[in-house]
């Protein structure tokens, strides 16, 4: 299972557990609030600007400082991945950029 798929699975579990009718605050002050489809979800502040969208409209990833990847990493719109993940047949970038220009073999 790729890292992106595993992260999506974990996100689904967290949302299923922490989704409630619309609230304007999170019970834990170390969380941030996302509202979508009439429900609110609380997520850890560490999930803001982490390269993985957690809220509808990716609002938790907006206004973040630019990500600078190391020389042995590939730059995706959602952060950095190891260069070894490029052209490996798995979409590791949310936009598929890591597989988009794959050379024909």
PDB file of N, CA and C in Angstrom:
ATOM      1  N   UNK A   1       0.852  -1.157   0.000  1.00  0.00           N
ATOM      2  CA  UNK A   1       0.000   0.000   0.000  1.00  0.00           C
ATOM      3  C   UNK A   1       0.906   1.231   0.000  1.00  0.00           C
ATOM      4  N   UNK A   2       0.650   2.141  -0.904  1.00  0.00           N
ATOM      5  CA  UNK A   2       1.496   3.331  -0.968  1.00  0.00           C
ATOM      6  C   UNK A   2       1.217   4.234   0.229  1.00  0.00           C
ATOM      7  N   UNK A   3       2.155   5.117   0.493  1.00  0.00           N
ATOM      8  CA  UNK A   3       2.024   6.046   1.616  1.00  0.00           C
ATOM      9  C   UNK A   3       0.779   6.912   1.451  1.00  0.00           C
ATOM     10  N   UNK A   4       0.507   7.372   0.236  1.00  0.00           N
ATOM     11  CA  UNK A   4      -0.663   8.228  -0.002  1.00  0.00           C
ATOM     12  C   UNK A   4      -1.958   7.472   0.298  1.00  0.00           C
ATOM     13  N   UNK A   5      -2.041   6.212  -0.117  1.00  0.00           N
ATOM     14  CA  UNK A   5      -3.249   5.427   0.132  1.00  0.00           C
ATOM     15  C   UNK A   5      -3.416   5.155   1.623  1.00  0.00           C
ATOM     16  N   UNK A   6      -2.315   4.852   2.303  1.00  0.00           N
ATOM     17  CA  UNK A   6      -2.368   4.608   3.748  1.00  0.00           C
ATOM     18  C   UNK A   6      -2.817   5.867   4.478  1.00  0.00           C
ATOM     19  N   UNK A   7      -2.284   7.016   4.068  1.00  0.00           N
ATOM     20  CA  UNK A   7      -2.666   8.287   4.700  1.00  0.00           C
ATOM     21  C   UNK A   7      -4.146   8.563   4.497  1.00  0.00           C
ATOM     22  N   UNK A   8      -4.660   8.273   3.294  1.00  0.00           N
ATOM     23  CA  UNK A   8      -6.078   8.482   3.015  1.00  0.00           C
ATOM     24  C   UNK A   8      -6.924   7.566   3.891  1.00  0.00           C
ATOM     25  N   UNK A   9      -6.490   6.313   4.078  1.00  0.00           N
ATOM     26  CA  UNK A   9      -7.204   5.382   4.941  1.00  0.00           C
ATOM     27  C   UNK A   9      -7.275   5.924   6.360  1.00  0.00           C
ATOM     28  N   UNK A  10      -6.138   6.373   6.892  1.00  0.00           N
ATOM     29  CA  UNK A  10      -6.101   6.922   8.253  1.00  0.00           C
ATOM     30  C   UNK A  10      -7.012   8.138   8.354  1.00  0.00           C
ATOM     31  N   UNK A  11      -6.986   9.000   7.342  1.00  0.00           N
ATOM     32  CA  UNK A  11      -7.836  10.187   7.346  1.00  0.00           C
ATOM     33  C   UNK A  11      -9.301   9.787   7.416  1.00  0.00           C
ATOM     34  N   UNK A  12      -9.704   8.786   6.647  1.00  0.00           N
ATOM     35  CA  UNK A  12     -11.092   8.335   6.665  1.00  0.00           C
ATOM     36  C   UNK A  12     -11.490   7.840   8.048  1.00  0.00           C
ATOM     37  N   UNK A  13     -10.607   7.117   8.703  1.00  0.00           N
ATOM     38  CA  UNK A  13     -10.890   6.621  10.050  1.00  0.00           C
ATOM     39  C   UNK A  13     -11.035   7.784  11.020  1.00  0.00           C
ATOM     40  N   UNK A  14     -10.125   8.752  10.951  1.00  0.00           N
ATOM     41  CA  UNK A  14     -10.172   9.907  11.852  1.00  0.00           C
ATOM     42  C   UNK A  14     -11.440  10.710  11.619  1.00  0.00           C
ATOM     43  N   UNK A  15     -11.795  10.951  10.356  1.00  0.00           N
ATOM     44  CA  UNK A  15     -12.988  11.734  10.056  1.00  0.00           C
ATOM     45  C   UNK A  15     -14.228  10.999  10.546  1.00  0.00           C
ATOM     46  N   UNK A  16     -14.281   9.692  10.352  1.00  0.00           N
ATOM     47  CA  UNK A  16     -15.438   8.921  10.794  1.00  0.00           C
ATOM     48  C   UNK A  16     -15.606   9.003  12.308  1.00  0.00           C
ATOM     49  N   UNK A  17     -14.495   9.078  13.031  1.00  0.00           N
ATOM     50  CA  UNK A  17     -14.544   9.115  14.486  1.00  0.00           C
ATOM     51  C   UNK A  17     -14.803  10.513  15.008  1.00  0.00           C
ATOM     52  N   UNK A  18     -14.268  11.555  14.331  1.00  0.00           N
ATOM     53  CA  UNK A  18     -14.321  12.897  14.916  1.00  0.00           C
ATOM     54  C   UNK A  18     -15.263  13.856  14.193  1.00  0.00           C
ATOM     55  N   UNK A  19     -16.173  13.358  13.363  1.00  0.00           N
ATOM     56  CA  UNK A  19     -17.118  14.221  12.666  1.00  0.00           C
ATOM     57  C   UNK A  19     -18.386  14.354  13.505  1.00  0.00           C
ATOM     58  N   UNK A  20     -18.869  15.584  13.637  1.00  0.00           N
ATOM     59  CA  UNK A  20     -20.053  15.833  14.432  1.00  0.00           C
ATOM     60  C   UNK A  20     -20.849  16.960  13.787  1.00  0.00           C
ATOM     61  N   UNK A  21     -22.109  17.168  14.237  1.00  0.00           N
ATOM     62  CA  UNK A  21     -22.845  18.319  13.702  1.00  0.00           C
ATOM     63  C   UNK A  21     -22.032  19.593  13.891  1.00  0.00           C
ATOM     64  N   UNK A  22     -22.315  20.593  13.081  1.00  0.00           N
ATOM     65  CA  UNK A  22     -21.496  21.801  13.037  1.00  0.00           C
ATOM     66  C   UNK A  22     -21.281  22.398  14.415  1.00  0.00           C
ATOM     67  N   UNK A  23     -20.022  22.629  14.711  1.00  0.00           N
ATOM     68  CA  UNK A  23     -19.582  23.289  15.927  1.00  0.00           C
ATOM     69  C   UNK A  23     -18.636  24.390  15.486  1.00  0.00           C
ATOM     70  N   UNK A  24     -18.447  25.382  16.301  1.00  0.00           N
ATOM     71  CA  UNK A  24     -17.548  26.463  15.926  1.00  0.00           C
ATOM     72  C   UNK A  24     -16.207  26.382  16.618  1.00  0.00           C
ATOM     73  N   UNK A  25     -16.034  25.443  17.511  1.00  0.00           N
ATOM     74  CA  UNK A  25     -14.772  25.272  18.211  1.00  0.00           C
ATOM     75  C   UNK A  25     -14.478  23.785  18.403  1.00  0.00           C
ATOM     76  N   UNK A  26     -13.205  23.483  18.542  1.00  0.00           N
ATOM     77  CA  UNK A  26     -12.789  22.113  18.857  1.00  0.00           C
ATOM     78  C   UNK A  26     -12.618  21.997  20.367  1.00  0.00           C
ATOM     79  N   UNK A  27     -12.943  20.843  20.930  1.00  0.00           N
ATOM     80  CA  UNK A  27     -12.794  20.682  22.376  1.00  0.00           C
ATOM     81  C   UNK A  27     -11.337  20.792  22.834  1.00  0.00           C
ATOM     82  N   UNK A  28     -10.413  20.391  21.983  1.00  0.00           N
ATOM     83  CA  UNK A  28      -8.988  20.466  22.310  1.00  0.00           C
ATOM     84  C   UNK A  28      -8.405  21.688  21.619  1.00  0.00           C
ATOM     85  N   UNK A  29      -7.818  22.598  22.368  1.00  0.00           N
ATOM     86  CA  UNK A  29      -7.284  23.835  21.779  1.00  0.00           C
ATOM     87  C   UNK A  29      -6.091  23.594  20.860  1.00  0.00           C
ATOM     88  N   UNK A  30      -5.528  22.375  20.860  1.00  0.00           N
ATOM     89  CA  UNK A  30      -4.431  22.043  19.961  1.00  0.00           C
ATOM     90  C   UNK A  30      -4.930  21.478  18.635  1.00  0.00           C
ATOM     91  N   UNK A  31      -6.231  21.587  18.374  1.00  0.00           N
ATOM     92  CA  UNK A  31      -6.829  21.118  17.127  1.00  0.00           C
ATOM     93  C   UNK A  31      -7.334  22.296  16.315  1.00  0.00           C
ATOM     94  N   UNK A  32      -7.561  22.064  15.025  1.00  0.00           N
ATOM     95  CA  UNK A  32      -8.193  23.068  14.187  1.00  0.00           C
ATOM     96  C   UNK A  32      -9.472  22.488  13.607  1.00  0.00           C
ATOM     97  N   UNK A  33     -10.387  23.353  13.209  1.00  0.00           N
ATOM     98  CA  UNK A  33     -11.721  22.964  12.788  1.00  0.00           C
ATOM     99  C   UNK A  33     -11.875  23.055  11.283  1.00  0.00           C
ATOM    100  N   UNK A  34     -12.446  22.022  10.685  1.00  0.00           N
ATOM    101  CA  UNK A  34     -12.841  22.032   9.278  1.00  0.00           C
ATOM    102  C   UNK A  34     -14.346  21.812   9.243  1.00  0.00           C
ATOM    103  N   UNK A  35     -15.031  22.567   8.399  1.00  0.00           N
ATOM    104  CA  UNK A  35     -16.471  22.392   8.248  1.00  0.00           C
ATOM    105  C   UNK A  35     -16.754  22.023   6.799  1.00  0.00           C
ATOM    106  N   UNK A  36     -17.515  20.950   6.603  1.00  0.00           N
ATOM    107  CA  UNK A  36     -17.907  20.550   5.259  1.00  0.00           C
ATOM    108  C   UNK A  36     -19.208  19.769   5.317  1.00  0.00           C
ATOM    109  N   UNK A  37     -20.044  19.995   4.340  1.00  0.00           N
ATOM    110  CA  UNK A  37     -21.320  19.280   4.227  1.00  0.00           C
ATOM    111  C   UNK A  37     -22.148  19.323   5.510  1.00  0.00           C
ATOM    112  N   UNK A  38     -22.093  20.442   6.216  1.00  0.00           N
ATOM    113  CA  UNK A  38     -22.893  20.581   7.419  1.00  0.00           C
ATOM    114  C   UNK A  38     -22.325  19.929   8.655  1.00  0.00           C
ATOM    115  N   UNK A  39     -21.113  19.396   8.567  1.00  0.00           N
ATOM    116  CA  UNK A  39     -20.462  18.751   9.707  1.00  0.00           C
ATOM    117  C   UNK A  39     -19.118  19.399   9.970  1.00  0.00           C
ATOM    118  N   UNK A  40     -18.685  19.332  11.202  1.00  0.00           N
ATOM    119  CA  UNK A  40     -17.377  19.856  11.560  1.00  0.00           C
ATOM    120  C   UNK A  40     -16.486  18.700  11.995  1.00  0.00           C
ATOM    121  N   UNK A  41     -15.214  18.837  11.687  1.00  0.00           N
ATOM    122  CA  UNK A  41     -14.219  17.841  12.081  1.00  0.00           C
ATOM    123  C   UNK A  41     -13.043  18.562  12.704  1.00  0.00           C
ATOM    124  N   UNK A  42     -12.491  17.985  13.750  1.00  0.00           N
ATOM    125  CA  UNK A  42     -11.314  18.545  14.399  1.00  0.00           C
ATOM    126  C   UNK A  42     -10.104  17.690  14.067  1.00  0.00           C
ATOM    127  N   UNK A  43      -9.016  18.363  13.719  1.00  0.00           N
ATOM    128  CA  UNK A  43      -7.774  17.703  13.368  1.00  0.00           C
ATOM    129  C   UNK A  43      -6.638  18.320  14.172  1.00  0.00           C
ATOM    130  N   UNK A  44      -5.566  17.566  14.426  1.00  0.00           N
ATOM    131  CA  UNK A  44      -4.414  18.131  15.142  1.00  0.00           C
ATOM    132  C   UNK A  44      -3.785  19.284  14.355  1.00  0.00           C
ATOM    133  N   UNK A  45      -3.351  20.314  15.044  1.00  0.00           N
ATOM    134  CA  UNK A  45      -2.691  21.451  14.384  1.00  0.00           C
ATOM    135  C   UNK A  45      -1.477  21.009  13.573  1.00  0.00           C
ATOM    136  N   UNK A  46      -0.855  19.914  13.954  1.00  0.00           N
ATOM    137  CA  UNK A  46       0.315  19.425  13.215  1.00  0.00           C
ATOM    138  C   UNK A  46      -0.044  18.997  11.798  1.00  0.00           C
ATOM    139  N   UNK A  47      -1.338  18.842  11.511  1.00  0.00           N
ATOM    140  CA  UNK A  47      -1.772  18.460  10.161  1.00  0.00           C
ATOM    141  C   UNK A  47      -1.879  19.665   9.238  1.00  0.00           C
ATOM    142  N   UNK A  48      -1.820  20.890   9.775  1.00  0.00           N
ATOM    143  CA  UNK A  48      -1.828  22.079   8.914  1.00  0.00           C
ATOM    144  C   UNK A  48      -0.483  22.171   8.203  1.00  0.00           C
ATOM    145  N   UNK A  49      -0.529  22.504   6.924  1.00  0.00           N
ATOM    146  CA  UNK A  49       0.692  22.715   6.125  1.00  0.00           C
ATOM    147  C   UNK A  49       1.610  21.492   6.154  1.00  0.00           C
ATOM    148  N   UNK A  50       1.022  20.292   6.224  1.00  0.00           N
ATOM    149  CA  UNK A  50       1.845  19.085   6.226  1.00  0.00           C
ATOM    150  C   UNK A  50       1.941  18.440   4.844  1.00  0.00           C
ATOM    151  N   UNK A  51       1.362  19.098   3.831  1.00  0.00           N
ATOM    152  CA  UNK A  51       1.418  18.570   2.470  1.00  0.00           C
ATOM    153  C   UNK A  51       0.293  17.614   2.141  1.00  0.00           C
ATOM    154  N   UNK A  52      -0.565  17.320   3.094  1.00  0.00           N
ATOM    155  CA  UNK A  52      -1.695  16.427   2.851  1.00  0.00           C
ATOM    156  C   UNK A  52      -2.988  17.173   3.174  1.00  0.00           C
ATOM    157  N   UNK A  53      -3.849  17.366   2.161  1.00  0.00           N
ATOM    158  CA  UNK A  53      -5.110  18.079   2.431  1.00  0.00           C
ATOM    159  C   UNK A  53      -6.032  17.241   3.302  1.00  0.00           C
ATOM    160  N   UNK A  54      -6.537  17.849   4.365  1.00  0.00           N
ATOM    161  CA  UNK A  54      -7.429  17.171   5.287  1.00  0.00           C
ATOM    162  C   UNK A  54      -8.830  17.776   5.285  1.00  0.00           C
ATOM    163  N   UNK A  55      -8.971  19.020   4.848  1.00  0.00           N
ATOM    164  CA  UNK A  55     -10.252  19.718   4.845  1.00  0.00           C
ATOM    165  C   UNK A  55     -10.757  19.880   3.413  1.00  0.00           C
ATOM    166  N   UNK A  56     -12.081  20.001   3.268  1.00  0.00           N
ATOM    167  CA  UNK A  56     -12.635  20.308   1.949  1.00  0.00           C
ATOM    168  C   UNK A  56     -12.006  21.598   1.432  1.00  0.00           C
ATOM    169  N   UNK A  57     -11.703  21.613   0.166  1.00  0.00           N
ATOM    170  CA  UNK A  57     -11.085  22.799  -0.425  1.00  0.00           C
ATOM    171  C   UNK A  57      -9.633  22.964  -0.050  1.00  0.00           C
ATOM    172  N   UNK A  58      -9.059  21.994   0.632  1.00  0.00           N
ATOM    173  CA  UNK A  58      -7.652  22.024   1.037  1.00  0.00           C
ATOM    174  C   UNK A  58      -7.293  23.267   1.844  1.00  0.00           C
ATOM    175  N   UNK A  59      -8.257  23.801   2.598  1.00  0.00           N
ATOM    176  CA  UNK A  59      -7.998  25.034   3.336  1.00  0.00           C
ATOM    177  C   UNK A  59      -6.883  24.898   4.357  1.00  0.00           C
ATOM    178  N   UNK A  60      -6.627  23.684   4.830  1.00  0.00           N
ATOM    179  CA  UNK A  60      -5.542  23.486   5.801  1.00  0.00           C
ATOM    180  C   UNK A  60      -4.172  23.544   5.134  1.00  0.00           C
ATOM    181  N   UNK A  61      -4.132  23.541   3.809  1.00  0.00           N
ATOM    182  CA  UNK A  61      -2.863  23.603   3.078  1.00  0.00           C
ATOM    183  C   UNK A  61      -2.689  24.942   2.355  1.00  0.00           C
ATOM    184  N   UNK A  62      -3.589  25.874   2.552  1.00  0.00           N
ATOM    185  CA  UNK A  62      -3.495  27.172   1.901  1.00  0.00           C
ATOM    186  C   UNK A  62      -2.752  28.167   2.788  1.00  0.00           C
ATOM    187  N   UNK A  63      -1.986  29.055   2.141  1.00  0.00           N
ATOM    188  CA  UNK A  63      -1.236  30.071   2.867  1.00  0.00           C
ATOM    189  C   UNK A  63      -0.025  29.530   3.598  1.00  0.00           C
ATOM    190  N   UNK A  64       0.413  28.351   3.221  1.00  0.00           N
ATOM    191  CA  UNK A  64       1.567  27.730   3.873  1.00  0.00           C
ATOM    192  C   UNK A  64       2.860  28.205   3.215  1.00  0.00           C
ATOM    193  N   UNK A  65       3.953  28.206   3.969  1.00  0.00           N
ATOM    194  CA  UNK A  65       5.228  28.580   3.354  1.00  0.00           C
ATOM    195  C   UNK A  65       5.619  27.540   2.299  1.00  0.00           C
ATOM    196  N   UNK A  66       6.356  27.954   1.259  1.00  0.00           N
ATOM    197  CA  UNK A  66       6.751  26.999   0.225  1.00  0.00           C
ATOM    198  C   UNK A  66       7.634  25.893   0.801  1.00  0.00           C
ATOM    199  N   UNK A  67       7.466  24.700   0.250  1.00  0.00           N
ATOM    200  CA  UNK A  67       8.246  23.547   0.689  1.00  0.00           C
ATOM    201  C   UNK A  67       9.486  23.440  -0.185  1.00  0.00           C
ATOM    202  N   UNK A  68      10.632  23.284   0.433  1.00  0.00           N
ATOM    203  CA  UNK A  68      11.889  23.104  -0.296  1.00  0.00           C
ATOM    204  C   UNK A  68      12.337  21.666  -0.062  1.00  0.00           C
ATOM    205  N   UNK A  69      12.462  20.914  -1.159  1.00  0.00           N
ATOM    206  CA  UNK A  69      12.852  19.513  -1.059  1.00  0.00           C
ATOM    207  C   UNK A  69      14.371  19.377  -1.055  1.00  0.00           C
ATOM    208  N   UNK A  70      14.848  18.312  -0.422  1.00  0.00           N
ATOM    209  CA  UNK A  70      16.272  17.994  -0.448  1.00  0.00           C
ATOM    210  C   UNK A  70      16.665  17.509  -1.834  1.00  0.00           C
ATOM    211  N   UNK A  71      17.958  17.437  -2.108  1.00  0.00           N
ATOM    212  CA  UNK A  71      18.446  17.048  -3.433  1.00  0.00           C
ATOM    213  C   UNK A  71      18.080  15.607  -3.791  1.00  0.00           C
ATOM    214  N   UNK A  72      17.804  14.765  -2.802  1.00  0.00           N
ATOM    215  CA  UNK A  72      17.430  13.377  -3.077  1.00  0.00           C
ATOM    216  C   UNK A  72      15.916  13.167  -3.013  1.00  0.00           C
ATOM    217  N   UNK A  73      15.149  14.270  -3.136  1.00  0.00           N
ATOM    218  CA  UNK A  73      13.695  14.216  -3.100  1.00  0.00           C
ATOM    219  C   UNK A  73      13.102  14.843  -4.357  1.00  0.00           C
ATOM    220  N   UNK A  74      11.845  14.496  -4.625  1.00  0.00           N
ATOM    221  CA  UNK A  74      11.090  15.020  -5.758  1.00  0.00           C
ATOM    222  C   UNK A  74      10.001  15.930  -5.207  1.00  0.00           C
ATOM    223  N   UNK A  75       9.798  17.066  -5.846  1.00  0.00           N
ATOM    224  CA  UNK A  75       8.830  18.048  -5.375  1.00  0.00           C
ATOM    225  C   UNK A  75       7.447  17.806  -5.969  1.00  0.00           C
ATOM    226  N   UNK A  76       6.471  17.539  -5.096  1.00  0.00           N
ATOM    227  CA  UNK A  76       5.059  17.425  -5.473  1.00  0.00           C
ATOM    228  C   UNK A  76       4.352  18.678  -4.967  1.00  0.00           C
ATOM    229  N   UNK A  77       3.146  18.922  -5.460  1.00  0.00           N
ATOM    230  CA  UNK A  77       2.366  20.032  -4.927  1.00  0.00           C
ATOM    231  C   UNK A  77       2.024  19.806  -3.458  1.00  0.00           C
ATOM    232  N   UNK A  78       1.992  18.555  -3.034  1.00  0.00           N
ATOM    233  CA  UNK A  78       1.649  18.231  -1.653  1.00  0.00           C
ATOM    234  C   UNK A  78       2.871  17.911  -0.802  1.00  0.00           C
ATOM    235  N   UNK A  79       4.048  18.329  -1.226  1.00  0.00           N
ATOM    236  CA  UNK A  79       5.244  18.109  -0.422  1.00  0.00           C
ATOM    237  C   UNK A  79       6.329  17.376  -1.185  1.00  0.00           C
ATOM    238  N   UNK A  80       7.224  16.762  -0.466  1.00  0.00           N
ATOM    239  CA  UNK A  80       8.374  16.077  -1.057  1.00  0.00           C
ATOM    240  C   UNK A  80       8.222  14.566  -0.888  1.00  0.00           C
ATOM    241  N   UNK A  81       8.675  13.847  -1.885  1.00  0.00           N
ATOM    242  CA  UNK A  81       8.708  12.385  -1.814  1.00  0.00           C
ATOM    243  C   UNK A  81      10.120  11.934  -2.155  1.00  0.00           C
ATOM    244  N   UNK A  82      10.530  10.751  -1.722  1.00  0.00           N
ATOM    245  CA  UNK A  82      11.850  10.251  -2.109  1.00  0.00           C
ATOM    246  C   UNK A  82      11.943  10.110  -3.628  1.00  0.00           C
ATOM    247  N   UNK A  83      13.080  10.440  -4.189  1.00  0.00           N
ATOM    248  CA  UNK A  83      13.275  10.340  -5.634  1.00  0.00           C
ATOM    249  C   UNK A  83      13.004   8.933  -6.146  1.00  0.00           C
ATOM    250  N   UNK A  84      13.218   7.929  -5.302  1.00  0.00           N
ATOM    251  CA  UNK A  84      12.978   6.541  -5.706  1.00  0.00           C
ATOM    252  C   UNK A  84      11.497   6.278  -5.996  1.00  0.00           C
ATOM    253  N   UNK A  85      10.595   7.143  -5.519  1.00  0.00           N
ATOM    254  CA  UNK A  85       9.159   6.967  -5.755  1.00  0.00           C
ATOM    255  C   UNK A  85       8.726   7.476  -7.134  1.00  0.00           C
ATOM    256  N   UNK A  86       9.605   8.185  -7.837  1.00  0.00           N
ATOM    257  CA  UNK A  86       9.273   8.733  -9.148  1.00  0.00           C
ATOM    258  C   UNK A  86       9.360   7.612 -10.179  1.00  0.00           C
ATOM    259  N   UNK A  87       8.360   7.532 -11.048  1.00  0.00           N
ATOM    260  CA  UNK A  87       8.272   6.527 -12.114  1.00  0.00           C
ATOM    261  C   UNK A  87       8.262   5.101 -11.571  1.00  0.00           C
ATOM    262  N   UNK A  88       7.659   4.901 -10.385  1.00  0.00           N
ATOM    263  CA  UNK A  88       7.593   3.549  -9.825  1.00  0.00           C
ATOM    264  C   UNK A  88       6.234   2.885 -10.044  1.00  0.00           C
ATOM    265  N   UNK A  89       5.351   3.567 -10.770  1.00  0.00           N
ATOM    266  CA  UNK A  89       4.033   3.005 -11.058  1.00  0.00           C
ATOM    267  C   UNK A  89       2.973   3.361 -10.034  1.00  0.00           C
ATOM    268  N   UNK A  90       3.342   3.973  -8.916  1.00  0.00           N
ATOM    269  CA  UNK A  90       2.389   4.413  -7.894  1.00  0.00           C
ATOM    270  C   UNK A  90       2.290   5.930  -7.929  1.00  0.00           C
ATOM    271  N   UNK A  91       1.078   6.449  -7.827  1.00  0.00           N
ATOM    272  CA  UNK A  91       0.887   7.897  -7.768  1.00  0.00           C
ATOM    273  C   UNK A  91       1.111   8.353  -6.332  1.00  0.00           C
ATOM    274  N   UNK A  92       2.255   8.950  -6.092  1.00  0.00           N
ATOM    275  CA  UNK A  92       2.589   9.438  -4.758  1.00  0.00           C
ATOM    276  C   UNK A  92       2.275  10.918  -4.609  1.00  0.00           C
ATOM    277  N   UNK A  93       2.324  11.679  -5.699  1.00  0.00           N
ATOM    278  CA  UNK A  93       1.891  13.071  -5.697  1.00  0.00           C
ATOM    279  C   UNK A  93       0.386  13.076  -5.932  1.00  0.00           C
ATOM    280  N   UNK A  94      -0.360  13.939  -5.245  1.00  0.00           N
ATOM    281  CA  UNK A  94      -1.811  13.971  -5.413  1.00  0.00           C
ATOM    282  C   UNK A  94      -2.206  14.269  -6.851  1.00  0.00           C
ATOM    283  N   UNK A  95      -1.391  15.039  -7.565  1.00  0.00           N
ATOM    284  CA  UNK A  95      -1.721  15.373  -8.954  1.00  0.00           C
ATOM    285  C   UNK A  95      -1.102  14.396  -9.951  1.00  0.00           C
ATOM    286  N   UNK A  96      -0.434  13.349  -9.486  1.00  0.00           N
ATOM    287  CA  UNK A  96       0.173  12.356 -10.374  1.00  0.00           C
ATOM    288  C   UNK A  96       1.448  12.808 -11.048  1.00  0.00           C
ATOM    289  N   UNK A  97       1.974  13.934 -10.605  1.00  0.00           N
ATOM    290  CA  UNK A  97       3.166  14.530 -11.219  1.00  0.00           C
ATOM    291  C   UNK A  97       4.355  13.583 -11.218  1.00  0.00           C
ATOM    292  N   UNK A  98       4.459  12.707 -10.224  1.00  0.00           N
ATOM    293  CA  UNK A  98       5.598  11.790 -10.133  1.00  0.00           C
ATOM    294  C   UNK A  98       5.562  10.685 -11.193  1.00  0.00           C
ATOM    295  N   UNK A  99       4.429  10.497 -11.839  1.00  0.00           N
ATOM    296  CA  UNK A  99       4.323   9.488 -12.884  1.00  0.00           C
ATOM    297  C   UNK A  99       3.967  10.098 -14.248  1.00  0.00           C
ATOM    298  N   UNK A 100       3.689  11.415 -14.281  1.00  0.00           N
ATOM    299  CA  UNK A 100       3.157  12.062 -15.483  1.00  0.00           C
ATOM    300  C   UNK A 100       4.116  12.058 -16.664  1.00  0.00           C
ATOM    301  N   UNK A 101       5.380  12.214 -16.442  1.00  0.00           N
ATOM    302  CA  UNK A 101       6.348  12.281 -17.558  1.00  0.00           C
ATOM    303  C   UNK A 101       7.210  11.043 -17.606  1.00  0.00           C
ATOM    304  N   UNK A 102       6.636   9.928 -17.216  1.00  0.00           N
ATOM    305  CA  UNK A 102       7.350   8.666 -17.169  1.00  0.00           C
ATOM    306  C   UNK A 102       7.833   8.293 -18.573  1.00  0.00           C
ATOM    307  N   UNK A 103       9.140   7.994 -18.728  1.00  0.00           N
ATOM    308  CA  UNK A 103       9.634   7.643 -20.059  1.00  0.00           C
ATOM    309  C   UNK A 103       9.022   6.328 -20.536  1.00  0.00           C
ATOM    310  N   UNK A 104       8.721   6.254 -21.815  1.00  0.00           N
ATOM    311  CA  UNK A 104       8.149   5.046 -22.406  1.00  0.00           C
ATOM    312  C   UNK A 104       9.225   3.983 -22.517  1.00  0.00           C
ATOM    313  N   UNK A 105       8.900   2.778 -22.070  1.00  0.00           N
ATOM    314  CA  UNK A 105       9.885   1.688 -22.103  1.00  0.00           C
ATOM    315  C   UNK A 105       9.483   0.663 -23.124  1.00  0.00           C
TER     316      UNK A 105
END
